[in-house]
Amino acid sequence: MTDDSLTRLLAMLDDLDADVDATIDLADEVATSGGPELLPRLEAELSRAVGERNGYARELLGGVLAGVGGTAVLPVLVRASAVDLGDDQDGLATEIVDLVQADPTTARRLLTPLTEDDDLTVANRADWALRFAP
C-alpha cells in the first residue's frame, strides 16, 4: 500500500461534501491493507483531528490506526479518546475494547502506566480500558 490511499482518505475527511459511505469504505481499505510505515502519519493526523475537534475524523482515523497498528497503538487511542469532543465515541471505544481483549497481556503492559498519567482524564480512560481485559 502506498500513501496514495491515505492521502485520498485524509482529503475526504477534510471535505465536508465527501460521500460518507465512500469515506468509510476507503478507511476500511487502508485499515486492512496499510503497513506500519503509515503509523507516524496516521498518529499525526489523529492528533490533528483531535486538535481541530473533529470527532468524525477521530473515529475513522482511530479505526484505521487500530487496524494498521494493532494493540501497540492503544496508548495513542486512549489519549485521543480522553479528549471530550462532545461525541459518543462508540466506534473509538469499540476499537479500544477489541484491542484490549485481543491481547490483554500487551494491553496491560501498555496501559497500566497510563493509569498514573498526570492528566486524570487519560488515567481514567486507561483504567476504563483495562476493565475489559479478561
Protein backbone atom coordinates (compact mmCIF):
# COMPACT_ATOMS: atom_id res chain seq x y z
CA MET A 1 0.00 0.00 0.00
CA THR A 2 1.22 3.45 -0.81
CA ASP A 3 0.44 6.73 0.85
CA ASP A 4 -1.97 7.44 -2.04
CA SER A 5 -4.96 5.80 -0.35
CA LEU A 6 -4.19 7.52 2.93
CA THR A 7 -3.80 10.86 1.17
CA ARG A 8 -7.18 10.34 -0.52
CA LEU A 9 -8.75 9.39 2.82
CA LEU A 10 -7.39 12.49 4.53
CA ALA A 11 -8.68 14.68 1.71
CA MET A 12 -12.12 13.09 2.07
CA LEU A 13 -12.10 13.68 5.82
CA ASP A 14 -11.37 17.36 5.19
CA ASP A 15 -14.08 17.67 2.51
CA LEU A 16 -17.49 18.41 4.01
CA ASP A 17 -19.12 17.25 0.77
CA ALA A 18 -17.30 13.90 0.59
CA ASP A 19 -19.53 10.84 0.37
CA VAL A 20 -19.69 9.29 3.85
CA ASP A 21 -20.01 5.70 2.61
CA ALA A 22 -17.06 6.08 0.24
CA THR A 23 -15.00 7.63 3.04
CA ILE A 24 -15.80 4.75 5.39
CA ASP A 25 -15.02 2.19 2.67
CA LEU A 26 -11.66 3.82 2.00
CA ALA A 27 -10.89 3.95 5.73
CA ASP A 28 -11.65 0.22 5.95
CA GLU A 29 -9.39 -0.45 2.96
CA VAL A 30 -6.48 1.46 4.49
CA ALA A 31 -7.06 -0.26 7.86
CA THR A 32 -6.82 -3.72 6.31
CA SER A 33 -4.07 -3.15 3.75
CA GLY A 34 -1.92 -0.42 5.30
CA GLY A 35 1.50 -1.19 6.66
CA PRO A 36 3.43 0.07 9.68
CA GLU A 37 5.06 2.78 7.56
CA LEU A 38 1.73 4.63 7.75
CA LEU A 39 1.64 4.75 11.56
CA PRO A 40 3.55 8.03 12.10
CA ARG A 41 1.36 9.85 9.61
CA LEU A 42 -1.81 8.30 10.99
CA GLU A 43 -0.86 9.28 14.53
CA ALA A 44 -0.11 12.85 13.43
CA GLU A 45 -3.42 13.08 11.58
CA LEU A 46 -5.32 11.69 14.56
CA SER A 47 -3.68 14.32 16.74
CA ARG A 48 -4.65 16.99 14.22
CA ALA A 49 -8.26 15.76 14.16
CA VAL A 50 -8.45 15.92 17.95
CA GLY A 51 -6.86 19.37 17.96
CA GLU A 52 -9.41 20.55 15.41
CA ARG A 53 -12.18 18.97 17.50
CA ASN A 54 -13.22 16.74 14.58
CA GLY A 55 -14.95 13.74 16.15
CA TYR A 56 -15.79 12.18 12.78
CA ALA A 57 -12.14 12.13 11.70
CA ARG A 58 -11.07 10.91 15.16
CA GLU A 59 -13.45 7.95 14.89
CA LEU A 60 -12.36 6.93 11.40
CA LEU A 61 -8.64 7.51 11.96
CA GLY A 62 -8.82 5.65 15.27
CA GLY A 63 -10.24 2.65 13.43
CA VAL A 64 -7.56 2.85 10.76
CA LEU A 65 -4.84 3.12 13.41
CA ALA A 66 -6.26 0.10 15.24
CA GLY A 67 -6.32 -1.90 12.02
CA VAL A 68 -2.81 -0.98 10.97
CA GLY A 69 -1.05 -0.86 14.35
CA GLY A 70 -2.97 -3.33 16.49
CA THR A 71 -2.55 -3.37 20.24
CA ALA A 72 0.64 -1.31 20.04
CA VAL A 73 -1.40 1.82 19.29
CA LEU A 74 -3.58 1.55 22.39
CA PRO A 75 -1.83 4.43 24.21
CA VAL A 76 -2.42 6.72 21.23
CA LEU A 77 -6.07 5.72 21.01
CA VAL A 78 -6.65 6.12 24.75
CA ARG A 79 -5.08 9.60 24.74
CA ALA A 80 -7.21 10.60 21.75
CA SER A 81 -10.29 9.17 23.44
CA ALA A 82 -9.61 11.14 26.62
CA VAL A 83 -10.39 14.42 24.84
CA ASP A 84 -14.06 15.34 25.12
CA LEU A 85 -15.29 16.43 21.71
CA GLY A 86 -18.94 16.08 22.62
CA ASP A 87 -19.45 12.93 20.53
CA ASP A 88 -20.38 9.45 21.73
CA GLN A 89 -17.10 7.78 20.67
CA ASP A 90 -18.86 4.47 20.08
CA GLY A 91 -16.53 3.48 17.25
CA LEU A 92 -13.34 4.50 19.02
CA ALA A 93 -14.42 2.84 22.26
CA THR A 94 -15.16 -0.37 20.37
CA GLU A 95 -11.71 -0.30 18.76
CA ILE A 96 -10.06 0.14 22.17
CA VAL A 97 -12.08 -2.65 23.78
CA ASP A 98 -11.42 -5.02 20.86
CA LEU A 99 -7.67 -4.40 21.05
CA VAL A 100 -7.59 -4.90 24.83
CA GLN A 101 -9.50 -8.16 24.53
CA ALA A 102 -7.40 -9.39 21.60
CA ASP A 103 -4.12 -9.07 23.51
CA PRO A 104 -4.73 -8.45 27.21
CA THR A 105 -1.11 -9.01 28.22
CA THR A 106 0.21 -6.33 25.89
CA ALA A 107 -2.72 -4.06 26.73
CA ARG A 108 -1.91 -4.27 30.44
CA ARG A 109 1.76 -3.56 29.77
CA LEU A 110 0.96 -0.52 27.63
CA LEU A 111 -1.97 0.92 29.56
CA THR A 112 -1.05 0.34 33.19
CA PRO A 113 1.48 3.21 33.15
CA LEU A 114 -1.21 5.48 31.72
CA THR A 115 -3.40 4.86 34.77
CA GLU A 116 -0.95 7.09 36.64
CA ASP A 117 -0.79 9.81 33.98
CA ASP A 118 -0.71 13.40 35.20
CA ASP A 119 -3.79 14.04 33.06
CA LEU A 120 -6.57 12.48 35.12
CA THR A 121 -8.78 12.10 32.07
CA VAL A 122 -6.12 9.96 30.40
CA ALA A 123 -5.60 7.99 33.63
CA ASN A 124 -9.33 7.35 33.98
CA ARG A 125 -9.67 6.36 30.33
CA ALA A 126 -6.77 3.89 30.64
CA ASP A 127 -8.34 2.44 33.77
CA TRP A 128 -11.66 2.10 31.93
CA ALA A 129 -9.98 0.30 29.02
CA LEU A 130 -8.20 -2.15 31.32
CA ARG A 131 -11.53 -3.24 32.79
CA PHE A 132 -12.14 -5.09 29.53
CA ALA A 133 -9.04 -7.27 29.84
CA PRO A 134 -10.11 -10.83 30.59
